[in-house]
Amino acid sequence: MNRIRKKNNLIRIKQLLRQLCDIALDDLEVLLEKRIWTRPWILRRKERGSSALLLEELRCEDIGEFKSILRMSPDIFDILLSCVAPKIQRMDTIMREAIPAKVKLEITLDFLSSGTNYRKLSHFYRVSRSSIYKFIPESLLSFTV
């Protein structure tokens, strides 16, 4: 009788251990799920960002409005971009693509010309505020060097 009781207890313990292992594995899978590095609306920068849509249209169709936003003509902007791009462009990584130098320069010039806060620039150009905090000073330093 004692042996049967011990055997039944061992079977119950094994079943409980299996259940605990299953629960632990499920929790581990949840923890190991891929973390989102960038918000989905920011990832659509190439298709829906201001640089991709509005400024490209203005560059082709209404140079006066382009000048009112960036305070320079498209030709001067291209010359300035060719000068500062090597200094402000970063490399793409496995985790994410770098913000193009063109977008960085557009945001910096827009900030300088309008004084718009970083939150509005972030939404308009679809770039995170923390990135804007970092690269505007870097871009400004590249103008002087």
N, C-alpha and C. Protein backbone atom coordinates (compact mmCIF):
# COMPACT_ATOMS: atom_id res chain seq x y z
N MET A 1 0.82 -1.19 0.00
CA MET A 1 0.00 0.00 0.00
C MET A 1 0.87 1.26 0.00
N ASN A 2 1.90 1.22 0.78
CA ASN A 2 2.82 2.35 0.87
C ASN A 2 3.51 2.61 -0.47
N ARG A 3 3.88 1.51 -1.16
CA ARG A 3 4.52 1.64 -2.46
C ARG A 3 3.58 2.27 -3.49
N ILE A 4 2.33 1.88 -3.46
CA ILE A 4 1.35 2.42 -4.40
C ILE A 4 1.15 3.91 -4.16
N ARG A 5 1.10 4.31 -2.92
CA ARG A 5 0.94 5.72 -2.57
C ARG A 5 2.15 6.53 -3.05
N LYS A 6 3.35 6.00 -2.84
CA LYS A 6 4.57 6.68 -3.28
C LYS A 6 4.58 6.81 -4.80
N LYS A 7 4.18 5.75 -5.48
CA LYS A 7 4.16 5.77 -6.93
C LYS A 7 3.16 6.81 -7.45
N ASN A 8 1.98 6.86 -6.85
CA ASN A 8 0.98 7.86 -7.24
C ASN A 8 1.46 9.28 -6.97
N ASN A 9 2.14 9.47 -5.87
CA ASN A 9 2.70 10.79 -5.54
C ASN A 9 3.76 11.20 -6.57
N LEU A 10 4.60 10.26 -6.96
CA LEU A 10 5.61 10.54 -7.98
C LEU A 10 4.96 10.92 -9.31
N ILE A 11 3.90 10.21 -9.67
CA ILE A 11 3.20 10.52 -10.93
C ILE A 11 2.61 11.92 -10.86
N ARG A 12 2.01 12.28 -9.74
CA ARG A 12 1.44 13.63 -9.57
C ARG A 12 2.53 14.70 -9.62
N ILE A 13 3.65 14.43 -9.00
CA ILE A 13 4.77 15.38 -9.00
C ILE A 13 5.28 15.59 -10.42
N LYS A 14 5.42 14.50 -11.18
CA LYS A 14 5.86 14.60 -12.57
C LYS A 14 4.88 15.42 -13.39
N GLN A 15 3.58 15.19 -13.20
CA GLN A 15 2.57 15.96 -13.92
C GLN A 15 2.65 17.44 -13.57
N LEU A 16 2.81 17.76 -12.30
CA LEU A 16 2.93 19.16 -11.87
C LEU A 16 4.19 19.81 -12.46
N LEU A 17 5.29 19.07 -12.46
CA LEU A 17 6.53 19.60 -13.04
C LEU A 17 6.37 19.88 -14.53
N ARG A 18 5.69 18.98 -15.24
CA ARG A 18 5.44 19.21 -16.68
C ARG A 18 4.60 20.47 -16.89
N GLN A 19 3.57 20.64 -16.07
CA GLN A 19 2.72 21.82 -16.19
C GLN A 19 3.51 23.09 -15.89
N LEU A 20 4.33 23.04 -14.85
CA LEU A 20 5.16 24.20 -14.52
C LEU A 20 6.14 24.52 -15.64
N CYS A 21 6.74 23.51 -16.22
CA CYS A 21 7.67 23.71 -17.33
C CYS A 21 6.96 24.33 -18.53
N ASP A 22 5.76 23.85 -18.83
CA ASP A 22 4.98 24.42 -19.94
C ASP A 22 4.67 25.89 -19.70
N ILE A 23 4.27 26.21 -18.48
CA ILE A 23 3.97 27.61 -18.14
C ILE A 23 5.22 28.47 -18.25
N ALA A 24 6.33 27.96 -17.73
CA ALA A 24 7.59 28.70 -17.79
C ALA A 24 8.03 28.92 -19.23
N LEU A 25 7.88 27.92 -20.09
CA LEU A 25 8.25 28.07 -21.50
C LEU A 25 7.37 29.09 -22.20
N ASP A 26 6.09 29.09 -21.89
CA ASP A 26 5.19 30.09 -22.48
C ASP A 26 5.60 31.50 -22.06
N ASP A 27 5.91 31.68 -20.79
CA ASP A 27 6.35 32.99 -20.30
C ASP A 27 7.66 33.40 -20.96
N LEU A 28 8.55 32.45 -21.14
CA LEU A 28 9.84 32.74 -21.76
C LEU A 28 9.66 33.16 -23.21
N GLU A 29 8.75 32.52 -23.92
CA GLU A 29 8.48 32.90 -25.31
C GLU A 29 7.96 34.33 -25.39
N VAL A 30 7.11 34.71 -24.46
CA VAL A 30 6.58 36.07 -24.44
C VAL A 30 7.72 37.07 -24.20
N LEU A 31 8.62 36.73 -23.29
CA LEU A 31 9.74 37.62 -23.00
C LEU A 31 10.71 37.74 -24.18
N LEU A 32 10.85 36.67 -24.94
CA LEU A 32 11.81 36.66 -26.03
C LEU A 32 11.24 37.17 -27.35
N GLU A 33 9.96 37.53 -27.38
CA GLU A 33 9.38 38.06 -28.60
C GLU A 33 10.15 39.29 -29.03
N LYS A 34 10.20 39.50 -30.34
CA LYS A 34 10.97 40.62 -30.88
C LYS A 34 10.41 41.95 -30.37
N ARG A 35 11.31 42.76 -29.83
CA ARG A 35 10.92 44.06 -29.31
C ARG A 35 10.86 45.07 -30.45
N ILE A 36 9.90 45.95 -30.39
CA ILE A 36 9.76 46.98 -31.42
C ILE A 36 10.72 48.11 -31.12
N TRP A 37 11.64 48.36 -32.04
CA TRP A 37 12.63 49.42 -31.85
C TRP A 37 12.08 50.77 -32.29
N THR A 38 11.24 50.75 -33.32
CA THR A 38 10.75 51.98 -33.89
C THR A 38 9.23 51.88 -34.00
N ARG A 39 8.57 52.96 -33.74
CA ARG A 39 7.11 52.97 -33.84
C ARG A 39 6.70 52.78 -35.31
N PRO A 40 5.60 52.08 -35.53
CA PRO A 40 5.19 51.79 -36.91
C PRO A 40 4.98 53.03 -37.78
N TRP A 41 4.43 54.10 -37.23
CA TRP A 41 4.19 55.28 -38.05
C TRP A 41 5.50 55.96 -38.45
N ILE A 42 6.55 55.77 -37.67
CA ILE A 42 7.85 56.33 -38.05
C ILE A 42 8.47 55.50 -39.17
N LEU A 43 8.20 54.20 -39.17
CA LEU A 43 8.76 53.33 -40.21
C LEU A 43 8.23 53.70 -41.61
N ARG A 44 7.11 54.39 -41.66
CA ARG A 44 6.55 54.79 -42.96
C ARG A 44 7.11 56.12 -43.44
N ARG A 45 8.27 56.52 -42.94
CA ARG A 45 8.89 57.80 -43.29
C ARG A 45 9.14 57.92 -44.79
N LYS A 46 9.62 56.84 -45.41
CA LYS A 46 9.96 56.90 -46.84
C LYS A 46 8.74 57.14 -47.72
N GLU A 47 7.60 56.60 -47.32
CA GLU A 47 6.40 56.74 -48.14
C GLU A 47 5.57 57.96 -47.78
N ARG A 48 5.51 58.30 -46.48
CA ARG A 48 4.56 59.32 -46.04
C ARG A 48 5.18 60.50 -45.31
N GLY A 49 6.47 60.52 -45.16
CA GLY A 49 7.12 61.62 -44.45
C GLY A 49 7.13 62.89 -45.27
N SER A 50 7.30 64.00 -44.61
CA SER A 50 7.31 65.29 -45.28
C SER A 50 8.40 65.38 -46.33
N SER A 51 9.54 64.81 -46.02
CA SER A 51 10.65 64.85 -46.98
C SER A 51 10.29 64.10 -48.25
N ALA A 52 9.61 62.98 -48.11
CA ALA A 52 9.24 62.17 -49.27
C ALA A 52 8.10 62.77 -50.06
N LEU A 53 7.18 63.44 -49.39
CA LEU A 53 5.99 63.93 -50.07
C LEU A 53 6.03 65.43 -50.34
N LEU A 54 5.87 66.21 -49.30
CA LEU A 54 5.68 67.65 -49.46
C LEU A 54 6.90 68.34 -50.06
N LEU A 55 8.06 68.13 -49.49
CA LEU A 55 9.23 68.85 -49.97
C LEU A 55 9.63 68.43 -51.39
N GLU A 56 9.40 67.18 -51.74
CA GLU A 56 9.69 66.75 -53.11
C GLU A 56 8.72 67.40 -54.10
N GLU A 57 7.45 67.51 -53.72
CA GLU A 57 6.48 68.19 -54.58
C GLU A 57 6.83 69.67 -54.73
N LEU A 58 7.16 70.30 -53.61
CA LEU A 58 7.49 71.73 -53.67
C LEU A 58 8.76 71.97 -54.48
N ARG A 59 9.70 71.07 -54.37
CA ARG A 59 10.96 71.18 -55.14
C ARG A 59 10.66 71.22 -56.64
N CYS A 60 9.70 70.43 -57.07
CA CYS A 60 9.37 70.35 -58.50
C CYS A 60 8.35 71.40 -58.95
N GLU A 61 7.37 71.69 -58.10
CA GLU A 61 6.23 72.48 -58.54
C GLU A 61 6.19 73.92 -58.01
N ASP A 62 6.73 74.17 -56.82
CA ASP A 62 6.58 75.49 -56.22
C ASP A 62 7.85 75.83 -55.44
N ILE A 63 8.83 76.34 -56.14
CA ILE A 63 10.13 76.63 -55.51
C ILE A 63 9.99 77.72 -54.44
N GLY A 64 9.06 78.64 -54.63
CA GLY A 64 8.85 79.70 -53.64
C GLY A 64 8.44 79.14 -52.28
N GLU A 65 7.56 78.16 -52.27
CA GLU A 65 7.15 77.53 -51.01
C GLU A 65 8.28 76.69 -50.42
N PHE A 66 9.06 76.06 -51.29
CA PHE A 66 10.22 75.31 -50.81
C PHE A 66 11.16 76.27 -50.08
N LYS A 67 11.38 77.45 -50.68
CA LYS A 67 12.24 78.45 -50.05
C LYS A 67 11.66 78.94 -48.73
N SER A 68 10.34 79.05 -48.65
CA SER A 68 9.74 79.55 -47.41
C SER A 68 9.90 78.56 -46.26
N ILE A 69 10.00 77.28 -46.56
CA ILE A 69 10.17 76.28 -45.50
C ILE A 69 11.64 76.17 -45.09
N LEU A 70 12.53 76.01 -46.08
CA LEU A 70 13.95 75.78 -45.76
C LEU A 70 14.83 77.02 -45.92
N ARG A 71 14.24 78.12 -46.38
CA ARG A 71 14.93 79.39 -46.52
C ARG A 71 16.08 79.35 -47.54
N MET A 72 15.96 78.48 -48.54
CA MET A 72 16.94 78.43 -49.62
C MET A 72 16.34 77.70 -50.81
N SER A 73 16.93 77.92 -51.97
CA SER A 73 16.44 77.25 -53.18
C SER A 73 16.88 75.79 -53.18
N PRO A 74 16.24 74.96 -53.98
CA PRO A 74 16.64 73.55 -54.06
C PRO A 74 18.10 73.37 -54.49
N ASP A 75 18.57 74.24 -55.38
CA ASP A 75 19.97 74.13 -55.84
C ASP A 75 20.95 74.39 -54.70
N ILE A 76 20.70 75.44 -53.94
CA ILE A 76 21.57 75.75 -52.79
C ILE A 76 21.48 74.64 -51.75
N PHE A 77 20.26 74.10 -51.55
CA PHE A 77 20.10 72.99 -50.60
C PHE A 77 20.95 71.80 -51.03
N ASP A 78 20.93 71.48 -52.33
CA ASP A 78 21.72 70.34 -52.82
C ASP A 78 23.22 70.57 -52.62
N ILE A 79 23.67 71.79 -52.83
CA ILE A 79 25.10 72.11 -52.61
C ILE A 79 25.45 71.95 -51.14
N LEU A 80 24.61 72.50 -50.27
CA LEU A 80 24.85 72.38 -48.82
C LEU A 80 24.82 70.92 -48.38
N LEU A 81 23.87 70.16 -48.91
CA LEU A 81 23.78 68.73 -48.58
C LEU A 81 25.04 67.99 -49.00
N SER A 82 25.56 68.28 -50.17
CA SER A 82 26.78 67.59 -50.61
C SER A 82 27.97 67.93 -49.71
N CYS A 83 27.96 69.12 -49.11
CA CYS A 83 29.06 69.51 -48.21
C CYS A 83 28.95 68.84 -46.84
N VAL A 84 27.74 68.76 -46.29
CA VAL A 84 27.60 68.27 -44.92
C VAL A 84 27.22 66.80 -44.81
N ALA A 85 26.75 66.21 -45.91
CA ALA A 85 26.28 64.81 -45.85
C ALA A 85 27.32 63.84 -45.29
N PRO A 86 28.59 63.92 -45.73
CA PRO A 86 29.56 62.97 -45.17
C PRO A 86 29.75 63.11 -43.66
N LYS A 87 29.48 64.30 -43.13
CA LYS A 87 29.68 64.53 -41.70
C LYS A 87 28.49 64.09 -40.85
N ILE A 88 27.28 64.13 -41.43
CA ILE A 88 26.08 63.84 -40.63
C ILE A 88 25.44 62.49 -40.95
N GLN A 89 25.86 61.85 -42.02
CA GLN A 89 25.27 60.55 -42.38
C GLN A 89 25.87 59.45 -41.51
N ARG A 90 25.01 58.58 -41.01
CA ARG A 90 25.44 57.42 -40.22
C ARG A 90 25.22 56.16 -41.06
N MET A 91 25.83 55.07 -40.62
CA MET A 91 25.69 53.80 -41.32
C MET A 91 24.43 53.07 -40.86
N ASP A 92 23.83 52.30 -41.78
CA ASP A 92 22.72 51.43 -41.41
C ASP A 92 23.26 50.29 -40.54
N THR A 93 22.41 49.80 -39.65
CA THR A 93 22.80 48.66 -38.82
C THR A 93 21.85 47.50 -39.09
N ILE A 94 22.12 46.40 -38.46
CA ILE A 94 21.25 45.24 -38.59
C ILE A 94 19.87 45.56 -38.01
N MET A 95 19.85 46.38 -36.97
CA MET A 95 18.59 46.68 -36.28
C MET A 95 17.69 47.65 -37.05
N ARG A 96 18.30 48.67 -37.68
CA ARG A 96 17.47 49.67 -38.35
C ARG A 96 18.30 50.47 -39.35
N GLU A 97 17.58 51.13 -40.25
CA GLU A 97 18.23 51.98 -41.23
C GLU A 97 18.52 53.34 -40.60
N ALA A 98 19.62 53.94 -41.00
CA ALA A 98 19.97 55.26 -40.49
C ALA A 98 19.06 56.32 -41.13
N ILE A 99 18.87 57.40 -40.42
CA ILE A 99 18.11 58.52 -40.97
C ILE A 99 18.96 59.16 -42.05
N PRO A 100 18.42 59.35 -43.26
CA PRO A 100 19.22 59.92 -44.35
C PRO A 100 19.71 61.33 -44.01
N ALA A 101 20.87 61.67 -44.53
CA ALA A 101 21.45 63.00 -44.30
C ALA A 101 20.51 64.09 -44.83
N LYS A 102 19.83 63.80 -45.92
CA LYS A 102 18.91 64.78 -46.50
C LYS A 102 17.80 65.13 -45.51
N VAL A 103 17.24 64.13 -44.86
CA VAL A 103 16.17 64.37 -43.88
C VAL A 103 16.72 65.13 -42.68
N LYS A 104 17.90 64.76 -42.22
CA LYS A 104 18.51 65.47 -41.09
C LYS A 104 18.71 66.95 -41.42
N LEU A 105 19.21 67.22 -42.62
CA LEU A 105 19.45 68.60 -43.01
C LEU A 105 18.13 69.36 -43.15
N GLU A 106 17.12 68.74 -43.72
CA GLU A 106 15.81 69.39 -43.85
C GLU A 106 15.23 69.73 -42.49
N ILE A 107 15.32 68.81 -41.56
CA ILE A 107 14.78 69.06 -40.22
C ILE A 107 15.56 70.18 -39.53
N THR A 108 16.88 70.14 -39.66
CA THR A 108 17.71 71.18 -39.03
C THR A 108 17.38 72.56 -39.61
N LEU A 109 17.28 72.65 -40.92
CA LEU A 109 16.97 73.95 -41.55
C LEU A 109 15.57 74.42 -41.20
N ASP A 110 14.63 73.49 -41.16
CA ASP A 110 13.26 73.84 -40.78
C ASP A 110 13.23 74.34 -39.34
N PHE A 111 13.97 73.68 -38.46
CA PHE A 111 14.04 74.11 -37.06
C PHE A 111 14.65 75.50 -36.96
N LEU A 112 15.73 75.74 -37.68
CA LEU A 112 16.39 77.06 -37.63
C LEU A 112 15.50 78.16 -38.21
N SER A 113 14.78 77.85 -39.27
CA SER A 113 13.99 78.90 -39.92
C SER A 113 12.67 79.17 -39.22
N SER A 114 12.08 78.16 -38.59
CA SER A 114 10.76 78.37 -38.01
C SER A 114 10.75 78.36 -36.49
N GLY A 115 11.73 77.71 -35.87
CA GLY A 115 11.73 77.60 -34.42
C GLY A 115 10.70 76.61 -33.91
N THR A 116 10.19 75.78 -34.79
CA THR A 116 9.19 74.78 -34.41
C THR A 116 9.78 73.84 -33.36
N ASN A 117 8.93 73.40 -32.43
CA ASN A 117 9.44 72.50 -31.40
C ASN A 117 9.68 71.10 -31.97
N TYR A 118 10.44 70.32 -31.24
CA TYR A 118 10.86 69.00 -31.70
C TYR A 118 9.69 68.05 -31.90
N ARG A 119 8.66 68.20 -31.10
CA ARG A 119 7.50 67.31 -31.23
C ARG A 119 6.83 67.49 -32.59
N LYS A 120 6.62 68.73 -33.01
CA LYS A 120 5.99 68.98 -34.30
C LYS A 120 6.89 68.53 -35.45
N LEU A 121 8.18 68.78 -35.31
CA LEU A 121 9.11 68.30 -36.33
C LEU A 121 9.08 66.78 -36.42
N SER A 122 8.98 66.15 -35.26
CA SER A 122 8.94 64.69 -35.20
C SER A 122 7.75 64.14 -35.98
N HIS A 123 6.60 64.74 -35.80
CA HIS A 123 5.40 64.27 -36.49
C HIS A 123 5.43 64.61 -37.97
N PHE A 124 5.92 65.79 -38.29
CA PHE A 124 5.94 66.26 -39.67
C PHE A 124 6.88 65.42 -40.53
N TYR A 125 8.06 65.12 -40.00
CA TYR A 125 9.07 64.39 -40.77
C TYR A 125 9.11 62.89 -40.44
N ARG A 126 8.33 62.46 -39.44
CA ARG A 126 8.29 61.06 -39.02
C ARG A 126 9.66 60.57 -38.56
N VAL A 127 10.22 61.31 -37.63
CA VAL A 127 11.51 60.97 -37.00
C VAL A 127 11.30 61.11 -35.50
N SER A 128 11.88 60.21 -34.73
CA SER A 128 11.67 60.27 -33.28
C SER A 128 12.29 61.53 -32.69
N ARG A 129 11.67 62.02 -31.63
CA ARG A 129 12.17 63.21 -30.96
C ARG A 129 13.58 63.01 -30.41
N SER A 130 13.84 61.83 -29.87
CA SER A 130 15.17 61.58 -29.31
C SER A 130 16.23 61.66 -30.40
N SER A 131 15.91 61.22 -31.60
CA SER A 131 16.86 61.34 -32.71
C SER A 131 17.08 62.80 -33.07
N ILE A 132 16.00 63.55 -33.09
CA ILE A 132 16.11 64.98 -33.42
C ILE A 132 16.98 65.69 -32.38
N TYR A 133 16.79 65.37 -31.09
CA TYR A 133 17.61 65.96 -30.04
C TYR A 133 19.09 65.71 -30.29
N LYS A 134 19.41 64.54 -30.84
CA LYS A 134 20.81 64.20 -31.06
C LYS A 134 21.39 64.85 -32.30
N PHE A 135 20.66 64.79 -33.43
CA PHE A 135 21.32 65.19 -34.66
C PHE A 135 21.25 66.67 -35.01
N ILE A 136 20.35 67.43 -34.43
CA ILE A 136 20.34 68.87 -34.73
C ILE A 136 21.65 69.53 -34.27
N PRO A 137 22.10 69.31 -33.04
CA PRO A 137 23.40 69.88 -32.67
C PRO A 137 24.56 69.36 -33.54
N GLU A 138 24.52 68.08 -33.89
CA GLU A 138 25.57 67.53 -34.77
C GLU A 138 25.55 68.21 -36.13
N SER A 139 24.36 68.43 -36.66
CA SER A 139 24.24 69.08 -37.96
C SER A 139 24.73 70.52 -37.90
N LEU A 140 24.39 71.21 -36.82
CA LEU A 140 24.84 72.59 -36.67
C LEU A 140 26.37 72.66 -36.56
N LEU A 141 26.96 71.72 -35.88
CA LEU A 141 28.42 71.70 -35.80
C LEU A 141 29.05 71.41 -37.16
N SER A 142 28.41 70.63 -37.97
CA SER A 142 28.97 70.32 -39.30
C SER A 142 28.99 71.54 -40.21
N PHE A 143 28.12 72.53 -39.94
CA PHE A 143 28.12 73.75 -40.75
C PHE A 143 29.38 74.57 -40.49
N THR A 144 29.86 74.56 -39.27
CA THR A 144 30.97 75.43 -38.89
C THR A 144 32.33 74.83 -39.21
N VAL A 145 32.41 73.51 -39.24
CA VAL A 145 33.71 72.87 -39.44
C VAL A 145 34.06 72.81 -40.89
